[in-house]
Amino acid sequence: MKRKPNQSKAWHLSIALAAALLALPIVPAMAQQAVPPPIAPSAPAGSSNALPTLADLLDRTVPAVVSIAVRTPTPTQTNPLYNDPFFRRFFGGPGSQQPQTSQPRYQMSAGSGVIVDAGQGHVLTNHHVVAGGEQIAVTLTDGRVLDAELVGSDEATDIAVLRVPAENLTEVAIRNSDELRVGDYVVAIGNPFGLGQTVTSGIVSALGRSGLNIEGYEDFIQTDASINPGNSGGALITLDGQLVGINTAILAPTGGNVGIGFAVPTTIATAVMTQLLENGEVRRGQLGVVIQDVTPDLVNALGLQNTAGALVSNVAPGSAAQEAGIQSGDLITAVNGEAVDGSTDLRNRIGLTPLGQEVQLTFIRDGQEQNVNVTVSEASPAGNG
C-alpha cells in the first residue's frame, strides 16, 4: 500500500527528529543546575567594606563567662515497712541480720556565671543555680575546672556570689543598668543545656518588668536575646562589652524559648553582691510604711497632679517613717533625688539599702513638695516599704 505524500513527509520528519535526539549528549540532572557565583573574599578588618561582626567584642567578654556544675544531695526514699519492727529485719535495720546501708543520691545541675572581680575571684550567678548545692565546680573557657565557694545567696533577688581561686582570670566591666533604653542591642552569653559557651543577640524589649517574684524585689530587663535552660546566671552585655544584667528566667508557655527572657539588672545585682560579701546575707531595710501605686482613680480622688511615685496608705507605729513625720496620703516621688516610678521601685531601693543608712525622701503633701531624711531600719511584717 502506498503512503500518501503528506504521510510520507511526516514519517521522514519523525525519523529525523529521533536521530537528532539520539545525537544529544546525556547530562546528569545536577549538572544542569545553575552554578552559583564564587563567594567574594571578606574585606580586611578596619576597611570601610568590612562586614559587621561581634567577634572582637566576644573575644574580650566570653572568657569572663563560666559554666557552673552543681552537685546536690537528694532525699532517699524509705520503705514504709521499715517502720514496722517485724519487717525491719528485711531492710537491714536494728534487729535485722544484715547491717543497714544507705547510699546517698545526688543530682547534677548546670548553669552559668560571670566573673566580675578577677583579683578576688568573685563570680555572680543566680540563687536557683546553686541553691542546696553540696559541691560547686566552675569551668572556664580555657578548660580549667575550679572548685567554687558559696559566699552568699539571696533568694528574693535570685542572686548568688561565688569565690574561685584568683589565678589568670578575666573579668567583665559592670555598667549602670539604669542607663539602658528600650531598643539597645544586647548579647546573652551562657551555657544552655550544658552545651558550653553560647552567644545570642537581641535588643532590650522592655525595662522595669515585675510580678515574677512574690517577694517584690525585682526590676527585670526583658530581652528577646535567646535564653534557655542553663543560661541562668549568665551575662547580658551591651555592645561596648559591659555587663548590664544577670540572665535569670524565660517566659515559656510551650516549654521552649519564645523570645521573652528576663535578666536581673546590675543595679540590683551589685547591691546584693556588696551585702553578701560584707555580711554573707542581705539585711533588708524598711521605712515602715504600706505603699501602693497611684491609679487614675486615686489621682482624681486625692487631687494629685500625676501618677508617678508611691502612695503611702499606712504608717506603722514607732517606725522610722513615723519618726520622720511621714503620713498616710503622702506621695513619695524621689529617693536621694532620683525619681520613684512606683511602689515596686521604692520597695526595691529601700529593701536593698543597708540598715542604718540615711536616705532623703521627696514627697508631696497637700500639693506641696517636701523633703525629709529617714534612717532605714530592719524590715518587719508591719510594712511593705
Protein backbone atom coordinates (compact mmCIF):
# COMPACT_ATOMS: atom_id res chain seq x y z
CA MET A 1 0.00 0.00 0.00
CA LYS A 2 1.39 3.40 -0.92
CA ARG A 3 1.55 6.19 1.61
CA LYS A 4 0.06 9.50 0.78
CA PRO A 5 2.60 12.23 0.09
CA ASN A 6 1.85 14.13 3.34
CA GLN A 7 2.11 10.93 5.37
CA SER A 8 5.50 10.17 3.82
CA LYS A 9 6.86 13.59 4.68
CA ALA A 10 5.63 13.32 8.25
CA TRP A 11 7.25 9.87 8.58
CA HIS A 12 10.63 11.10 7.32
CA LEU A 13 10.40 14.14 9.70
CA SER A 14 9.79 11.87 12.68
CA ILE A 15 12.85 9.78 11.79
CA ALA A 16 15.00 12.92 11.51
CA LEU A 17 13.85 14.26 14.90
CA ALA A 18 14.52 10.95 16.55
CA ALA A 19 18.03 10.84 15.10
CA ALA A 20 18.70 14.36 16.32
CA LEU A 21 17.55 13.49 19.84
CA LEU A 22 19.75 10.42 19.90
CA ALA A 23 22.72 12.57 18.96
CA LEU A 24 22.28 14.86 22.03
CA PRO A 25 24.69 14.14 24.94
CA ILE A 26 23.14 12.74 28.18
CA VAL A 27 23.82 15.23 31.04
CA PRO A 28 23.12 14.43 34.75
CA ALA A 29 20.27 16.47 36.28
CA MET A 30 22.58 18.05 38.88
CA ALA A 31 24.90 19.29 36.17
CA GLN A 32 22.03 21.15 34.55
CA GLN A 33 21.57 23.37 37.63
CA ALA A 34 22.94 26.87 37.53
CA VAL A 35 26.41 27.18 39.05
CA PRO A 36 26.42 29.69 41.96
CA PRO A 37 28.75 32.66 41.63
CA PRO A 38 32.00 32.45 43.58
CA ILE A 39 31.96 33.95 47.11
CA ALA A 40 33.90 37.18 47.31
CA PRO A 41 36.65 37.20 49.93
CA SER A 42 35.98 39.17 53.14
CA ALA A 43 37.32 42.67 53.25
CA PRO A 44 40.27 43.19 55.58
CA ALA A 45 39.43 44.29 59.14
CA GLY A 46 39.27 48.04 59.55
CA SER A 47 38.34 48.74 55.95
CA SER A 48 35.14 50.57 55.05
CA ASN A 49 33.79 47.38 53.42
CA ALA A 50 34.31 45.11 56.47
CA LEU A 51 31.27 43.05 57.46
CA PRO A 52 29.68 43.89 60.83
CA THR A 53 30.71 41.39 63.50
CA LEU A 54 30.64 40.87 67.26
CA ALA A 55 33.77 38.72 67.19
CA ASP A 56 36.11 41.31 68.73
CA LEU A 57 33.59 42.07 71.48
CA LEU A 58 33.20 38.38 72.28
CA ASP A 59 36.95 37.80 72.32
CA ARG A 60 37.08 40.20 75.29
CA THR A 61 33.96 39.12 77.17
CA VAL A 62 33.35 35.40 76.65
CA PRO A 63 36.34 34.34 78.85
CA ALA A 64 34.61 36.10 81.77
CA VAL A 65 31.52 33.88 81.50
CA VAL A 66 31.84 30.47 83.14
CA SER A 67 29.90 27.22 83.24
CA ILE A 68 28.75 26.03 86.66
CA ALA A 69 28.09 22.44 87.68
CA VAL A 70 26.31 21.83 90.99
CA ARG A 71 26.08 18.57 92.90
CA THR A 72 23.02 18.50 95.13
CA PRO A 73 22.05 15.70 97.54
CA THR A 74 18.54 14.37 97.07
CA PRO A 75 16.42 12.75 99.78
CA THR A 76 16.34 8.97 99.68
CA GLN A 77 13.05 7.11 99.64
CA THR A 78 12.39 4.97 102.73
CA ASN A 79 10.14 1.95 102.52
CA PRO A 80 7.21 2.47 104.94
CA LEU A 81 7.54 -1.17 106.03
CA TYR A 82 10.83 -0.22 107.65
CA ASN A 83 8.83 1.38 110.49
CA ASP A 84 7.37 -2.00 111.43
CA PRO A 85 9.70 -3.98 113.75
CA PHE A 86 8.62 -7.24 112.12
CA PHE A 87 9.58 -6.16 108.59
CA ARG A 88 12.56 -4.05 109.65
CA ARG A 89 14.85 -7.07 109.70
CA PHE A 90 14.33 -7.47 105.96
CA PHE A 91 15.66 -3.94 105.29
CA GLY A 92 18.88 -4.01 107.27
CA GLY A 93 17.57 -2.06 110.27
CA PRO A 94 18.09 -2.60 114.00
CA GLY A 95 17.26 -6.16 114.95
CA SER A 96 17.98 -7.41 111.43
CA GLN A 97 20.58 -9.96 110.49
CA GLN A 98 22.23 -7.59 107.99
CA PRO A 99 23.80 -4.17 108.63
CA GLN A 100 21.84 -1.19 107.39
CA THR A 101 23.38 0.53 104.38
CA SER A 102 22.23 3.78 102.81
CA GLN A 103 23.77 5.04 99.59
CA PRO A 104 23.46 8.83 99.20
CA ARG A 105 21.94 10.06 95.98
CA TYR A 106 22.94 13.19 94.15
CA GLN A 107 21.52 15.33 91.41
CA MET A 108 23.69 17.25 88.94
CA SER A 109 22.56 20.55 87.51
CA ALA A 110 24.20 23.14 85.28
CA GLY A 111 24.13 26.89 84.94
CA SER A 112 26.30 29.88 84.15
CA GLY A 113 28.15 32.64 85.98
CA VAL A 114 30.05 35.87 85.35
CA ILE A 115 33.46 36.81 86.74
CA VAL A 116 33.11 40.41 87.96
CA ASP A 117 36.30 40.67 90.03
CA ALA A 118 39.28 38.74 88.68
CA GLY A 119 41.54 39.89 91.51
CA GLN A 120 39.28 38.43 94.20
CA GLY A 121 37.80 35.58 92.16
CA HIS A 122 34.21 36.77 92.60
CA VAL A 123 31.58 35.22 90.33
CA LEU A 124 27.97 36.40 90.05
CA THR A 125 25.27 33.85 89.32
CA ASN A 126 21.66 33.01 90.23
CA HIS A 127 20.48 31.74 93.59
CA HIS A 128 18.43 28.98 91.95
CA VAL A 129 21.54 27.69 90.14
CA VAL A 130 23.45 26.92 93.36
CA ALA A 131 20.65 26.53 95.93
CA GLY A 132 21.19 23.42 98.07
CA GLY A 133 24.44 22.58 96.31
CA GLU A 134 26.92 20.44 98.23
CA GLN A 135 29.69 20.85 95.69
CA ILE A 136 30.09 23.59 93.06
CA ALA A 137 32.54 23.47 90.18
CA VAL A 138 33.30 26.29 87.76
CA THR A 139 34.63 25.59 84.27
CA LEU A 140 36.49 28.35 82.43
CA THR A 141 36.67 28.78 78.67
CA ASP A 142 40.29 27.59 78.70
CA GLY A 143 39.15 24.23 80.10
CA ARG A 144 40.21 24.71 83.72
CA VAL A 145 37.83 23.37 86.35
CA LEU A 146 37.88 25.20 89.69
CA ASP A 147 36.21 24.39 92.97
CA ALA A 148 33.93 27.26 93.99
CA GLU A 149 32.97 28.51 97.44
CA LEU A 150 29.49 29.91 98.02
CA VAL A 151 29.99 33.34 99.59
CA GLY A 152 26.29 34.04 99.95
CA SER A 153 22.95 33.77 98.22
CA ASP A 154 19.72 35.78 98.18
CA GLU A 155 16.54 34.02 97.13
CA ALA A 156 14.43 37.20 96.94
CA THR A 157 16.52 38.68 94.12
CA ASP A 158 17.82 35.33 92.78
CA ILE A 159 21.44 36.46 93.09
CA ALA A 160 24.38 34.48 94.48
CA VAL A 161 28.11 35.16 94.78
CA LEU A 162 30.82 32.50 94.40
CA ARG A 163 34.55 32.69 95.04
CA VAL A 164 37.13 30.80 92.98
CA PRO A 165 40.95 30.85 93.08
CA ALA A 166 42.02 34.15 91.53
CA GLU A 167 44.58 32.90 89.02
CA ASN A 168 44.69 34.21 85.45
CA LEU A 169 41.01 35.15 85.38
CA THR A 170 39.21 37.52 83.03
CA GLU A 171 36.54 39.86 84.37
CA VAL A 172 33.83 41.85 82.67
CA ALA A 173 33.23 45.51 83.47
CA ILE A 174 29.92 46.42 85.13
CA ARG A 175 27.74 49.16 83.70
CA ASN A 176 24.91 51.03 85.40
CA SER A 177 21.80 49.31 84.06
CA ASP A 178 19.76 52.47 84.68
CA GLU A 179 21.42 53.85 81.53
CA LEU A 180 19.73 51.22 79.34
CA ARG A 181 16.97 52.19 76.93
CA VAL A 182 14.41 50.06 75.17
CA GLY A 183 15.88 49.19 71.78
CA ASP A 184 19.51 48.96 72.90
CA TYR A 185 21.33 45.96 71.43
CA VAL A 186 22.44 43.33 73.94
CA VAL A 187 24.24 39.97 73.85
CA ALA A 188 23.45 36.99 76.10
CA ILE A 189 26.29 34.60 76.92
CA GLY A 190 25.83 31.36 78.81
CA ASN A 191 25.81 27.58 78.90
CA PRO A 192 22.40 26.47 77.56
CA PHE A 193 21.54 22.79 78.06
CA GLY A 194 25.13 22.19 79.16
CA LEU A 195 26.36 22.62 75.60
CA GLY A 196 29.12 25.06 76.53
CA GLN A 197 29.60 28.74 75.89
CA THR A 198 26.89 30.02 73.55
CA VAL A 199 26.20 33.54 72.35
CA THR A 200 22.87 35.02 71.25
CA SER A 201 21.93 38.60 70.48
CA GLY A 202 18.85 40.77 70.56
CA ILE A 203 17.57 44.04 71.96
CA VAL A 204 16.21 45.34 75.23
CA SER A 205 12.49 44.71 74.79
CA ALA A 206 11.29 46.37 78.00
CA LEU A 207 12.55 47.69 81.33
CA GLY A 208 11.21 47.54 84.85
CA ARG A 209 9.35 44.26 84.50
CA SER A 210 7.95 42.91 87.77
CA GLY A 211 5.40 40.44 89.04
CA LEU A 212 7.53 37.30 88.55
CA ASN A 213 8.69 37.10 92.17
CA ILE A 214 6.28 37.30 95.07
CA GLU A 215 8.92 38.96 97.25
CA GLY A 216 8.73 42.02 95.02
CA TYR A 217 12.48 42.74 94.88
CA GLU A 218 12.64 42.79 91.11
CA ASP A 219 13.09 45.17 88.24
CA PHE A 220 13.80 42.86 85.34
CA ILE A 221 15.30 43.71 81.97
CA GLN A 222 13.27 41.99 79.26
CA THR A 223 15.12 40.89 76.13
CA ASP A 224 14.47 38.84 73.02
CA ALA A 225 18.05 37.52 73.01
CA SER A 226 17.56 33.76 73.24
CA ILE A 227 17.83 32.50 76.83
CA ASN A 228 17.42 28.77 77.51
CA PRO A 229 17.79 26.39 80.47
CA GLY A 230 21.42 26.55 81.55
CA ASN A 231 21.74 30.23 80.63
CA SER A 232 20.68 31.16 84.16
CA GLY A 233 23.42 33.18 85.82
CA GLY A 234 25.00 34.13 82.51
CA ALA A 235 25.85 37.59 81.25
CA LEU A 236 23.73 40.14 79.45
CA ILE A 237 26.14 42.66 77.97
CA THR A 238 25.92 45.75 75.81
CA LEU A 239 27.83 46.23 72.57
CA ASP A 240 30.60 48.05 74.43
CA GLY A 241 31.33 44.85 76.35
CA GLN A 242 29.90 45.85 79.73
CA LEU A 243 27.65 43.81 81.99
CA VAL A 244 24.12 45.16 82.47
CA GLY A 245 22.25 42.08 83.70
CA ILE A 246 22.36 38.52 85.01
CA ASN A 247 20.16 36.25 82.88
CA THR A 248 17.56 34.69 85.14
CA ALA A 249 14.32 33.44 83.62
CA ILE A 250 12.25 32.97 80.48
CA LEU A 251 8.56 33.03 79.74
CA ALA A 252 7.97 29.64 78.11
CA PRO A 253 4.29 28.73 77.69
CA THR A 254 5.27 25.96 75.25
CA GLY A 255 8.31 24.80 77.19
CA GLY A 256 10.80 26.44 74.81
CA ASN A 257 12.16 29.88 74.14
CA VAL A 258 9.63 32.31 72.66
CA GLY A 259 11.80 35.41 72.71
CA ILE A 260 10.83 36.66 76.18
CA GLY A 261 13.73 36.46 78.61
CA PHE A 262 14.49 38.32 81.82
CA ALA A 263 17.69 39.47 83.49
CA VAL A 264 18.36 40.96 86.92
CA PRO A 265 19.76 44.46 86.31
CA THR A 266 23.23 45.27 87.63
CA THR A 267 21.80 47.98 89.91
CA ILE A 268 20.16 45.21 91.96
CA ALA A 269 22.84 42.55 91.43
CA THR A 270 25.71 44.76 92.61
CA ALA A 271 23.78 45.99 95.66
CA VAL A 272 23.07 42.40 96.67
CA MET A 273 26.66 41.36 95.95
CA THR A 274 28.01 44.12 98.20
CA GLN A 275 25.90 42.94 101.14
CA LEU A 276 26.69 39.27 100.53
CA LEU A 277 30.42 40.00 100.51
CA GLU A 278 30.19 42.10 103.68
CA ASN A 279 27.63 40.14 105.69
CA GLY A 280 27.13 36.80 103.94
CA GLU A 281 23.45 37.70 103.65
CA VAL A 282 21.18 40.55 102.62
CA ARG A 283 19.88 42.56 105.57
CA ARG A 284 16.84 44.28 104.20
CA GLY A 285 15.64 47.65 105.39
CA GLN A 286 12.23 49.26 105.61
CA LEU A 287 10.70 52.64 106.17
CA GLY A 288 7.72 51.13 107.98
CA VAL A 289 5.03 52.16 105.51
CA VAL A 290 2.45 50.39 103.39
CA ILE A 291 2.61 51.75 99.85
CA GLN A 292 0.72 51.34 96.60
CA ASP A 293 0.83 52.53 93.01
CA VAL A 294 -1.06 55.65 92.04
CA THR A 295 -4.05 54.91 89.81
CA PRO A 296 -6.09 57.40 87.77
CA ASP A 297 -8.95 56.97 90.26
CA LEU A 298 -6.66 57.92 93.15
CA VAL A 299 -5.37 60.90 91.20
CA ASN A 300 -8.93 62.21 90.86
CA ALA A 301 -9.95 61.34 94.42
CA LEU A 302 -6.89 62.88 96.08
CA GLY A 303 -6.40 65.73 93.64
CA LEU A 304 -2.88 64.64 92.68
CA GLN A 305 -1.02 66.11 89.73
CA ASN A 306 0.44 62.88 88.26
CA THR A 307 0.64 59.12 88.70
CA ALA A 308 4.40 58.86 89.27
CA GLY A 309 5.54 57.83 92.73
CA ALA A 310 4.40 55.58 95.58
CA LEU A 311 1.38 56.50 97.68
CA VAL A 312 1.59 55.91 101.44
CA SER A 313 -1.59 54.20 102.62
CA ASN A 314 -0.47 53.39 106.16
CA VAL A 315 2.40 54.18 108.55
CA ALA A 316 3.48 51.63 111.17
CA PRO A 317 3.55 52.99 114.74
CA GLY A 318 7.07 53.53 116.01
CA SER A 319 8.59 53.07 112.54
CA ALA A 320 11.36 55.15 111.01
CA ALA A 321 8.80 56.75 108.70
CA GLN A 322 6.60 57.84 111.59
CA GLU A 323 9.58 59.30 113.43
CA ALA A 324 10.47 61.26 110.29
CA GLY A 325 6.92 62.65 110.01
CA ILE A 326 5.64 60.65 107.02
CA GLN A 327 1.84 60.43 106.98
CA SER A 328 -0.83 58.42 105.18
CA GLY A 329 -1.70 60.10 101.90
CA ASP A 330 1.84 61.35 101.24
CA LEU A 331 3.06 60.69 97.70
CA ILE A 332 6.76 59.71 97.72
CA THR A 333 8.23 60.88 94.42
CA ALA A 334 12.02 60.55 94.86
CA VAL A 335 14.75 58.89 96.92
CA ASN A 336 18.03 60.78 97.22
CA GLY A 337 16.94 62.98 94.33
CA GLU A 338 16.16 60.10 91.94
CA ALA A 339 12.56 59.82 90.76
CA VAL A 340 10.43 56.92 92.01
CA ASP A 341 8.42 55.16 89.31
CA GLY A 342 6.04 53.28 91.60
CA SER A 343 5.66 51.14 94.70
CA THR A 344 7.86 48.32 93.34
CA ASP A 345 10.65 50.77 92.55
CA LEU A 346 10.53 52.26 96.05
CA ARG A 347 10.43 48.81 97.66
CA ASN A 348 13.49 47.73 95.66
CA ARG A 349 15.52 50.78 96.63
CA ILE A 350 14.72 50.74 100.32
CA GLY A 351 14.92 46.95 100.58
CA LEU A 352 18.46 46.95 99.16
CA THR A 353 19.66 49.93 101.19
CA PRO A 354 21.99 48.89 104.05
CA LEU A 355 20.50 49.08 107.52
CA GLY A 356 21.23 52.29 109.36
CA GLN A 357 21.84 54.31 106.21
CA GLU A 358 20.03 57.62 105.90
CA VAL A 359 18.08 58.44 102.76
CA GLN A 360 16.34 61.60 101.66
CA LEU A 361 12.70 61.22 100.66
CA THR A 362 10.90 63.72 98.49
CA PHE A 363 7.12 63.63 98.89
CA ILE A 364 4.05 65.66 98.09
CA ARG A 365 1.50 66.59 100.77
CA ASP A 366 -1.43 68.90 100.12
CA GLY A 367 0.11 69.86 96.80
CA GLN A 368 3.39 70.97 98.38
CA GLU A 369 6.71 69.22 97.78
CA GLN A 370 8.72 68.46 100.90
CA ASN A 371 11.96 66.66 101.79
CA VAL A 372 12.78 64.60 104.85
CA ASN A 373 15.68 62.39 105.94
CA VAL A 374 14.82 58.86 107.11
CA THR A 375 17.12 56.21 108.58
CA VAL A 376 16.44 52.79 107.09
CA SER A 377 15.53 50.28 109.78
CA GLU A 378 15.32 46.49 109.84
CA ALA A 379 12.44 45.04 107.85
CA SER A 380 9.39 43.85 109.77
CA PRO A 381 5.96 42.48 108.82
CA ALA A 382 4.39 45.88 109.59
CA GLY A 383 5.06 47.35 106.17
CA ASN A 384 5.97 46.65 102.59
CA GLY A 385 8.26 49.63 102.05
